[in-house]
Amino acid sequence: MAVPKRRMSRSNTRSRRSQWKTSAVVTVDCPQCKSAKLPHTACAVCGTYNGRQVIEV
């Protein structure tokens, strides 16, 4: 297994970690009740998915 020969400097470590960014959660409007929901999931408010009732709310 490869092992680093020298300790990585603080600036190199921080430069590498600067790429660890989070992105905002993407939401879409439910076509039935117009509330925000995650894409490709059933709506938690009205319980519909793809135009039909799949969860009893």
N, C-alpha and C. Protein backbone atom coordinates (compact mmCIF):
# COMPACT_ATOMS: atom_id res chain seq x y z
N MET A 1 0.84 -1.17 0.00
CA MET A 1 0.00 0.00 0.00
C MET A 1 0.89 1.24 0.00
N ALA A 2 0.50 2.24 -0.77
CA ALA A 2 1.30 3.45 -0.87
C ALA A 2 1.17 4.28 0.41
N VAL A 3 2.30 4.76 0.89
CA VAL A 3 2.34 5.58 2.09
C VAL A 3 3.07 6.87 1.74
N PRO A 4 2.56 8.04 2.15
CA PRO A 4 3.25 9.28 1.84
C PRO A 4 4.62 9.36 2.49
N LYS A 5 5.59 9.82 1.74
CA LYS A 5 6.95 9.90 2.27
C LYS A 5 7.13 11.13 3.17
N ARG A 6 6.44 12.23 2.82
CA ARG A 6 6.54 13.46 3.60
C ARG A 6 5.14 13.91 4.02
N ARG A 7 5.11 14.65 5.10
CA ARG A 7 3.84 15.20 5.57
C ARG A 7 3.37 16.27 4.59
N MET A 8 2.07 16.27 4.28
CA MET A 8 1.52 17.28 3.38
C MET A 8 1.39 18.60 4.13
N SER A 9 1.83 19.68 3.51
CA SER A 9 1.82 20.99 4.16
C SER A 9 0.38 21.46 4.39
N ARG A 10 0.24 22.41 5.28
CA ARG A 10 -1.08 22.94 5.62
C ARG A 10 -1.72 23.62 4.41
N SER A 11 -0.93 24.34 3.63
CA SER A 11 -1.51 25.03 2.47
C SER A 11 -1.98 24.03 1.41
N ASN A 12 -1.23 22.96 1.20
CA ASN A 12 -1.66 21.95 0.24
C ASN A 12 -2.91 21.24 0.73
N THR A 13 -2.98 20.95 2.01
CA THR A 13 -4.16 20.29 2.57
C THR A 13 -5.38 21.18 2.42
N ARG A 14 -5.24 22.46 2.73
CA ARG A 14 -6.38 23.37 2.63
C ARG A 14 -6.77 23.61 1.18
N SER A 15 -5.82 23.60 0.26
CA SER A 15 -6.14 23.75 -1.16
C SER A 15 -6.96 22.57 -1.65
N ARG A 16 -6.60 21.38 -1.19
CA ARG A 16 -7.33 20.18 -1.59
C ARG A 16 -8.74 20.21 -1.01
N ARG A 17 -8.87 20.61 0.25
CA ARG A 17 -10.17 20.61 0.90
C ARG A 17 -11.08 21.74 0.41
N SER A 18 -10.53 22.73 -0.28
CA SER A 18 -11.35 23.83 -0.76
C SER A 18 -12.33 23.37 -1.84
N GLN A 19 -12.12 22.20 -2.42
CA GLN A 19 -13.00 21.69 -3.45
C GLN A 19 -14.19 20.93 -2.87
N TRP A 20 -14.23 20.71 -1.56
CA TRP A 20 -15.34 20.00 -0.91
C TRP A 20 -16.49 20.96 -0.70
N LYS A 21 -17.28 21.18 -1.72
CA LYS A 21 -18.38 22.12 -1.62
C LYS A 21 -19.71 21.37 -1.57
N THR A 22 -20.66 21.94 -0.88
CA THR A 22 -22.00 21.38 -0.88
C THR A 22 -22.85 22.16 -1.87
N SER A 23 -23.86 21.51 -2.36
CA SER A 23 -24.76 22.18 -3.30
C SER A 23 -26.14 22.26 -2.67
N ALA A 24 -26.91 23.23 -3.11
CA ALA A 24 -28.25 23.42 -2.58
C ALA A 24 -29.15 22.27 -3.04
N VAL A 25 -30.11 21.93 -2.20
CA VAL A 25 -31.04 20.85 -2.52
C VAL A 25 -31.97 21.33 -3.63
N VAL A 26 -32.12 20.51 -4.65
CA VAL A 26 -32.98 20.85 -5.79
C VAL A 26 -34.41 20.44 -5.45
N THR A 27 -35.34 21.35 -5.61
CA THR A 27 -36.75 21.03 -5.40
C THR A 27 -37.55 21.43 -6.63
N VAL A 28 -38.67 20.74 -6.80
CA VAL A 28 -39.60 21.05 -7.89
C VAL A 28 -40.98 21.25 -7.26
N ASP A 29 -41.87 21.90 -7.98
CA ASP A 29 -43.23 22.11 -7.49
C ASP A 29 -44.08 20.90 -7.81
N CYS A 30 -44.87 20.48 -6.85
CA CYS A 30 -45.81 19.38 -7.05
C CYS A 30 -46.90 19.86 -8.00
N PRO A 31 -47.22 19.09 -9.05
CA PRO A 31 -48.26 19.54 -9.99
C PRO A 31 -49.66 19.55 -9.37
N GLN A 32 -49.88 18.79 -8.30
CA GLN A 32 -51.21 18.74 -7.68
C GLN A 32 -51.42 19.88 -6.68
N CYS A 33 -50.51 19.98 -5.69
CA CYS A 33 -50.73 20.94 -4.60
C CYS A 33 -49.78 22.12 -4.65
N LYS A 34 -48.85 22.13 -5.61
CA LYS A 34 -47.90 23.23 -5.82
C LYS A 34 -46.92 23.46 -4.66
N SER A 35 -46.73 22.48 -3.79
CA SER A 35 -45.74 22.61 -2.72
C SER A 35 -44.39 22.08 -3.22
N ALA A 36 -43.31 22.51 -2.58
CA ALA A 36 -41.98 22.08 -2.99
C ALA A 36 -41.74 20.65 -2.55
N LYS A 37 -41.14 19.85 -3.44
CA LYS A 37 -40.82 18.46 -3.14
C LYS A 37 -39.55 18.08 -3.87
N LEU A 38 -38.93 16.98 -3.45
CA LEU A 38 -37.76 16.48 -4.14
C LEU A 38 -38.19 15.85 -5.46
N PRO A 39 -37.38 15.97 -6.52
CA PRO A 39 -37.76 15.36 -7.79
C PRO A 39 -37.74 13.84 -7.71
N HIS A 40 -38.62 13.20 -8.45
CA HIS A 40 -38.73 11.74 -8.54
C HIS A 40 -39.10 11.10 -7.21
N THR A 41 -39.85 11.81 -6.39
CA THR A 41 -40.35 11.25 -5.13
C THR A 41 -41.82 11.62 -5.00
N ALA A 42 -42.53 10.88 -4.16
CA ALA A 42 -43.92 11.20 -3.90
C ALA A 42 -43.99 12.45 -3.05
N CYS A 43 -45.03 13.23 -3.25
CA CYS A 43 -45.23 14.47 -2.49
C CYS A 43 -45.63 14.10 -1.06
N ALA A 44 -44.98 14.71 -0.09
CA ALA A 44 -45.29 14.43 1.31
C ALA A 44 -46.56 15.13 1.76
N VAL A 45 -46.99 16.15 1.03
CA VAL A 45 -48.18 16.91 1.44
C VAL A 45 -49.46 16.24 0.94
N CYS A 46 -49.51 15.97 -0.37
CA CYS A 46 -50.74 15.40 -0.93
C CYS A 46 -50.63 13.91 -1.24
N GLY A 47 -49.42 13.35 -1.28
CA GLY A 47 -49.24 11.91 -1.47
C GLY A 47 -49.36 11.43 -2.89
N THR A 48 -49.18 12.30 -3.88
CA THR A 48 -49.29 11.87 -5.27
C THR A 48 -47.91 11.73 -5.90
N TYR A 49 -47.84 10.87 -6.89
CA TYR A 49 -46.64 10.71 -7.69
C TYR A 49 -47.07 10.34 -9.09
N ASN A 50 -46.57 11.06 -10.07
CA ASN A 50 -46.85 10.81 -11.48
C ASN A 50 -48.36 10.83 -11.77
N GLY A 51 -49.05 11.75 -11.10
CA GLY A 51 -50.46 11.94 -11.38
C GLY A 51 -51.39 10.97 -10.67
N ARG A 52 -50.91 10.12 -9.79
CA ARG A 52 -51.81 9.20 -9.09
C ARG A 52 -51.48 9.16 -7.61
N GLN A 53 -52.44 8.79 -6.81
CA GLN A 53 -52.31 8.75 -5.36
C GLN A 53 -51.52 7.49 -4.96
N VAL A 54 -50.38 7.68 -4.29
CA VAL A 54 -49.57 6.52 -3.90
C VAL A 54 -49.39 6.44 -2.38
N ILE A 55 -49.60 7.55 -1.67
CA ILE A 55 -49.46 7.56 -0.22
C ILE A 55 -50.74 8.12 0.37
N GLU A 56 -51.26 7.44 1.38
CA GLU A 56 -52.45 7.96 2.06
C GLU A 56 -52.01 8.98 3.07
N VAL A 57 -52.50 10.22 2.91
CA VAL A 57 -52.10 11.31 3.81
C VAL A 57 -53.29 11.70 4.67
